[in-house]
Amino acid sequence: MNFGGSEVVYDYSASKIIILPVPYDETSTWMKGADKGPDAIMEASVNLEFYDVETGTEAHLKGIHTVGPVNEKGSPELLVKSVHDRVIALLHDDKFPVVIGGNHTVSIGAARAFADYYDDLTVLQLDAHADLRQEYEGSENNHACVMARIREFAQIVQVGIRSMSVGELPYADSERIFYAHQLLSDKSLYTGAIDKTGNNVYVTIDLDVFDPSLIPSTGTPEPGGPEYHDIMLFLKEVAAKRNIVGFDVVELCPSQYNKAPDFVAAKIIYQLLSYIFA
């Protein structure tokens, strides 16, 4: 299955944009099913319209190709290495990688690859949770530890946060974390978040950043999140002001009874590509 279905058929050599599915769910700690996320997004993506009315562009003309998934089902450490190796190979081929998870552990290996490849990298996290635990349930690479690991090799900026443990507070940089309740009352803080990034930005989008009224299909839904247009206008501004070098979308836990979140996730991917390649 490929992103976009029969309307988006390009071979690897002709494609700038490479979709890398990573159906990994071994470190999830509440609702399982994020390993089904990539296939659900691919299935929903067939129903996208590939002319973007907002930018007046067709991003798929840059070439979009879906490669075989990272099928590592072992330890999170093995998963991190497998994703790193696949992503760094894409970067050396001058591709624009889009990683589709899977749970948030997927992002550690992807972000490390970008940090190895690009100078002055900032990882921009859109998420309900701070993910700054130093370890969780016996692993330093649990989905709850993602930003703790990433900040070891890259600058981070966190947007949409509304849940953390008291143990994470010593690791939360008040200058680089933008809480959902603050963003609700002061939209200018979105621009403030961009001001904290360097030129090269990797975006990691945990779908639970959105209010669960829009995307209930996540492993750890959290009320009080930003709505769709707030996040997408923010990403449009990031794309205009910074060099987005790649991104991931993770933590879709698809439901057979509600396919709308699957389509929203596919739309987010294509809309962000439209902003980047407009």
Protein backbone atom coordinates (compact mmCIF):
# COMPACT_ATOMS: atom_id res chain seq x y z
CA MET A 1 0.00 0.00 0.00
CA ASN A 2 1.34 3.45 -0.90
CA PHE A 3 0.46 6.94 0.26
CA GLY A 4 -2.10 8.39 -2.13
CA GLY A 5 -3.00 5.17 -3.85
CA SER A 6 -3.15 4.98 -7.63
CA GLU A 7 -3.13 8.78 -8.07
CA VAL A 8 0.34 9.07 -6.53
CA VAL A 9 2.56 6.53 -8.24
CA TYR A 10 6.18 7.53 -8.62
CA ASP A 11 9.26 5.37 -8.49
CA TYR A 12 11.99 5.94 -5.94
CA SER A 13 14.44 7.68 -8.25
CA ALA A 14 11.82 10.19 -9.47
CA SER A 15 10.57 11.04 -6.00
CA LYS A 16 11.77 13.77 -3.65
CA ILE A 17 9.34 12.81 -0.86
CA ILE A 18 9.72 9.36 0.67
CA ILE A 19 7.10 7.91 3.02
CA LEU A 20 8.63 5.51 5.57
CA PRO A 21 6.06 3.53 7.61
CA VAL A 22 7.17 2.27 11.03
CA PRO A 23 4.42 0.07 12.55
CA TYR A 24 5.91 -0.17 16.06
CA ASP A 25 3.88 -0.37 19.27
CA GLU A 26 6.03 -2.33 21.71
CA THR A 27 6.47 0.50 24.24
CA SER A 28 2.86 1.72 24.40
CA THR A 29 1.60 1.85 27.97
CA TRP A 30 -2.17 2.24 27.75
CA MET A 31 -4.23 1.66 24.59
CA LYS A 32 -2.49 -0.51 22.02
CA GLY A 33 -2.88 -0.29 18.25
CA ALA A 34 -0.42 2.37 17.05
CA ASP A 35 1.26 -0.32 14.94
CA LYS A 36 -1.91 -0.28 12.82
CA GLY A 37 -1.58 3.49 12.31
CA PRO A 38 0.57 3.53 9.15
CA ASP A 39 -1.74 1.21 7.20
CA ALA A 40 -4.81 3.17 8.33
CA ILE A 41 -3.24 6.42 7.15
CA MET A 42 -2.27 4.85 3.81
CA GLU A 43 -5.79 3.54 3.32
CA ALA A 44 -7.33 6.92 4.16
CA SER A 45 -4.86 8.83 1.96
CA VAL A 46 -6.40 7.33 -1.17
CA ASN A 47 -9.37 9.64 -0.55
CA LEU A 48 -7.34 12.87 -0.49
CA GLU A 49 -7.61 15.48 -3.23
CA PHE A 50 -4.08 16.17 -4.43
CA TYR A 51 -4.67 19.75 -5.51
CA ASP A 52 -4.28 21.87 -2.38
CA VAL A 53 -6.77 24.75 -2.44
CA GLU A 54 -4.91 26.75 0.22
CA THR A 55 -1.55 26.94 -1.54
CA GLY A 56 -2.78 26.34 -5.09
CA THR A 57 -0.18 23.60 -5.51
CA GLU A 58 0.15 19.89 -6.19
CA ALA A 59 2.89 18.71 -3.86
CA HIS A 60 2.72 15.19 -5.25
CA LEU A 61 4.37 16.48 -8.45
CA LYS A 62 7.62 16.53 -6.45
CA GLY A 63 7.24 12.75 -6.46
CA ILE A 64 5.94 10.78 -3.49
CA HIS A 65 7.10 7.21 -3.05
CA THR A 66 6.30 4.82 -0.19
CA VAL A 67 9.12 2.46 0.75
CA GLY A 68 8.87 -0.79 2.65
CA PRO A 69 8.22 -0.46 6.37
CA VAL A 70 10.65 -0.78 9.25
CA ASN A 71 9.36 -4.06 10.67
CA GLU A 72 11.52 -4.24 13.81
CA LYS A 73 9.38 -5.66 16.64
CA GLY A 74 12.11 -6.16 19.22
CA SER A 75 13.51 -3.87 21.88
CA PRO A 76 13.07 -0.10 21.56
CA GLU A 77 16.85 0.18 21.25
CA LEU A 78 16.81 -2.03 18.15
CA LEU A 79 13.90 -0.04 16.76
CA VAL A 80 15.72 3.27 17.28
CA LYS A 81 18.77 1.95 15.41
CA SER A 82 16.68 0.51 12.57
CA VAL A 83 14.81 3.77 12.02
CA HIS A 84 18.03 5.80 12.23
CA ASP A 85 19.70 3.64 9.60
CA ARG A 86 16.76 3.81 7.18
CA VAL A 87 16.34 7.58 7.54
CA ILE A 88 20.04 8.44 7.22
CA ALA A 89 20.16 6.40 4.01
CA LEU A 90 17.24 8.44 2.62
CA LEU A 91 18.99 11.68 3.53
CA HIS A 92 22.16 10.57 1.78
CA ASP A 93 20.00 9.92 -1.30
CA ASP A 94 18.82 13.56 -1.11
CA LYS A 95 15.27 12.58 -0.20
CA PHE A 96 12.74 14.32 2.06
CA PRO A 97 11.68 11.66 4.59
CA VAL A 98 8.22 11.52 6.13
CA VAL A 99 8.09 8.92 8.89
CA ILE A 100 4.70 7.49 9.84
CA GLY A 101 4.38 5.64 13.13
CA GLY A 102 3.74 3.69 15.22
CA ASN A 103 4.14 5.09 18.70
CA HIS A 104 6.42 7.97 19.60
CA THR A 105 9.52 5.82 20.21
CA VAL A 106 9.76 5.81 16.39
CA SER A 107 10.78 9.48 16.47
CA ILE A 108 13.99 8.97 18.47
CA GLY A 109 15.81 7.19 15.66
CA ALA A 110 14.44 9.52 13.00
CA ALA A 111 15.44 12.68 14.87
CA ARG A 112 18.91 11.28 15.57
CA ALA A 113 19.44 10.68 11.86
CA PHE A 114 18.49 14.28 11.05
CA ALA A 115 20.76 15.56 13.84
CA ASP A 116 23.63 13.52 12.37
CA TYR A 117 22.97 14.96 8.92
CA TYR A 118 22.07 18.61 9.59
CA ASP A 119 23.85 21.29 11.57
CA ASP A 120 21.84 23.56 13.85
CA LEU A 121 18.88 21.17 14.08
CA THR A 122 15.86 21.98 16.21
CA VAL A 123 13.28 19.28 16.88
CA LEU A 124 9.85 20.89 17.11
CA GLN A 125 7.50 18.69 19.10
CA LEU A 126 3.72 19.01 18.81
CA ASP A 127 2.31 16.90 21.60
CA ALA A 128 -0.05 16.78 24.57
CA HIS A 129 2.68 15.24 26.74
CA ALA A 130 6.13 16.52 27.63
CA ASP A 131 7.76 13.08 27.13
CA LEU A 132 10.68 14.12 29.33
CA ARG A 133 10.81 11.11 31.63
CA GLN A 134 14.35 9.82 31.95
CA GLU A 135 13.05 6.24 31.87
CA TYR A 136 9.66 4.59 32.01
CA GLU A 137 8.64 1.00 32.61
CA GLY A 138 12.27 -0.09 32.48
CA SER A 139 13.25 1.62 29.22
CA GLU A 140 15.02 4.88 28.43
CA ASN A 141 13.47 4.70 24.96
CA ASN A 142 9.84 4.38 26.02
CA HIS A 143 7.36 6.63 24.22
CA ALA A 144 7.24 8.70 27.43
CA CYS A 145 10.99 9.39 27.18
CA VAL A 146 11.18 10.57 23.57
CA MET A 147 12.09 14.21 24.16
CA ALA A 148 14.44 13.33 27.01
CA ARG A 149 16.46 11.32 24.50
CA ILE A 150 16.17 13.80 21.63
CA ARG A 151 17.34 16.76 23.73
CA GLU A 152 20.61 14.85 24.27
CA PHE A 153 21.58 15.53 20.65
CA ALA A 154 19.38 18.42 19.42
CA GLN A 155 17.67 21.59 20.56
CA ILE A 156 13.98 21.07 21.25
CA VAL A 157 10.89 23.28 21.29
CA GLN A 158 7.67 21.84 22.73
CA VAL A 159 4.20 23.05 21.68
CA GLY A 160 0.73 22.07 22.90
CA ILE A 161 1.88 20.43 26.12
CA ARG A 162 -0.78 19.93 28.79
CA SER A 163 0.33 16.84 30.70
CA MET A 164 3.51 15.91 32.58
CA SER A 165 4.65 14.22 35.78
CA VAL A 166 6.29 16.13 38.61
CA GLY A 167 9.48 14.18 37.88
CA GLU A 168 9.70 15.82 34.47
CA LEU A 169 9.66 19.38 35.81
CA PRO A 170 13.45 19.66 36.32
CA TYR A 171 13.90 18.86 32.60
CA ALA A 172 11.26 21.27 31.29
CA ASP A 173 12.85 24.41 29.85
CA SER A 174 10.36 27.20 30.50
CA GLU A 175 11.81 29.18 27.59
CA ARG A 176 11.16 26.37 25.12
CA ILE A 177 7.87 24.87 26.23
CA PHE A 178 4.54 26.34 25.12
CA TYR A 179 1.60 24.99 27.06
CA ALA A 180 -1.83 24.47 25.52
CA HIS A 181 -3.61 26.70 28.04
CA GLN A 182 -1.19 29.55 27.26
CA LEU A 183 -1.65 29.13 23.49
CA LEU A 184 -5.42 29.21 23.91
CA SER A 185 -5.33 32.67 25.46
CA ASP A 186 -2.38 34.10 23.52
CA LYS A 187 -2.00 32.96 19.90
CA SER A 188 1.13 35.13 19.52
CA LEU A 189 2.99 32.45 21.47
CA TYR A 190 2.96 30.28 18.35
CA THR A 191 5.26 32.85 16.73
CA GLY A 192 7.28 32.91 19.93
CA ALA A 193 7.84 29.18 19.56
CA ILE A 194 9.21 29.65 16.05
CA ASP A 195 11.59 32.31 17.35
CA LYS A 196 13.17 29.65 19.58
CA THR A 197 14.06 27.37 16.68
CA GLY A 198 17.18 27.35 14.56
CA ASN A 199 17.06 27.39 10.77
CA ASN A 200 16.83 23.62 10.24
CA VAL A 201 13.72 22.16 11.84
CA TYR A 202 12.52 18.58 12.17
CA VAL A 203 8.86 18.35 13.22
CA THR A 204 7.50 15.48 15.28
CA ILE A 205 3.71 15.42 15.44
CA ASP A 206 2.13 13.25 18.09
CA LEU A 207 -1.53 13.25 17.05
CA ASP A 208 -2.64 13.59 20.65
CA VAL A 209 -1.56 17.24 20.40
CA PHE A 210 -5.00 17.82 18.90
CA ASP A 211 -8.03 17.91 21.12
CA PRO A 212 -9.57 14.41 21.24
CA SER A 213 -12.82 15.83 19.88
CA LEU A 214 -10.93 15.89 16.55
CA ILE A 215 -8.66 12.87 16.97
CA PRO A 216 -9.90 10.48 19.67
CA SER A 217 -7.92 7.62 18.10
CA THR A 218 -4.67 7.88 20.07
CA GLY A 219 -3.12 5.76 22.78
CA THR A 220 -3.22 8.51 25.40
CA PRO A 221 -5.86 11.16 24.51
CA GLU A 222 -5.71 14.37 26.53
CA PRO A 223 -8.46 17.03 26.63
CA GLY A 224 -7.83 20.72 26.05
CA GLY A 225 -5.75 20.58 22.90
CA PRO A 226 -5.47 23.06 20.02
CA GLU A 227 -7.85 22.74 17.10
CA TYR A 228 -6.90 21.86 13.54
CA HIS A 229 -6.54 25.34 12.05
CA ASP A 230 -4.45 26.65 14.94
CA ILE A 231 -1.89 23.88 14.46
CA MET A 232 -1.90 24.01 10.67
CA LEU A 233 -1.52 27.81 10.54
CA PHE A 234 1.37 27.43 12.96
CA LEU A 235 3.02 24.82 10.74
CA LYS A 236 2.45 27.02 7.70
CA GLU A 237 4.34 29.81 9.47
CA VAL A 238 7.15 27.42 10.43
CA ALA A 239 7.46 26.33 6.79
CA ALA A 240 7.58 29.96 5.64
CA LYS A 241 10.23 31.05 8.15
CA ARG A 242 12.38 27.95 8.60
CA ASN A 243 13.81 25.05 6.62
CA ILE A 244 11.69 22.05 7.56
CA VAL A 245 13.97 19.14 6.71
CA GLY A 246 11.55 16.32 7.50
CA PHE A 247 8.78 15.29 9.83
CA ASP A 248 6.97 12.41 11.43
CA VAL A 249 3.36 11.74 12.38
CA VAL A 250 2.87 9.20 15.16
CA GLU A 251 0.42 7.73 17.69
CA LEU A 252 -2.63 7.10 15.53
CA CYS A 253 -4.47 4.21 17.18
CA PRO A 254 -7.11 3.55 14.52
CA SER A 255 -10.68 2.53 15.34
CA GLN A 256 -12.81 0.40 13.05
CA TYR A 257 -15.81 2.49 14.14
CA ASN A 258 -14.43 5.93 13.30
CA LYS A 259 -12.28 6.41 10.21
CA ALA A 260 -12.29 10.23 10.36
CA PRO A 261 -9.09 10.50 12.46
CA ASP A 262 -7.27 8.32 9.89
CA PHE A 263 -8.21 10.77 7.16
CA VAL A 264 -7.28 13.78 9.32
CA ALA A 265 -3.82 12.28 9.85
CA ALA A 266 -3.38 11.74 6.08
CA LYS A 267 -4.57 15.31 5.44
CA ILE A 268 -2.09 16.71 7.95
CA ILE A 269 0.74 14.96 6.13
CA TYR A 270 -0.27 16.20 2.69
CA GLN A 271 -1.13 19.71 3.92
CA LEU A 272 2.26 20.08 5.59
CA LEU A 273 3.96 18.83 2.42
CA SER A 274 1.99 21.47 0.52
CA TYR A 275 3.26 24.19 2.85
CA ILE A 276 6.85 22.99 2.59
CA PHE A 277 6.95 22.59 -1.19
CA ALA A 278 4.64 25.46 -2.18
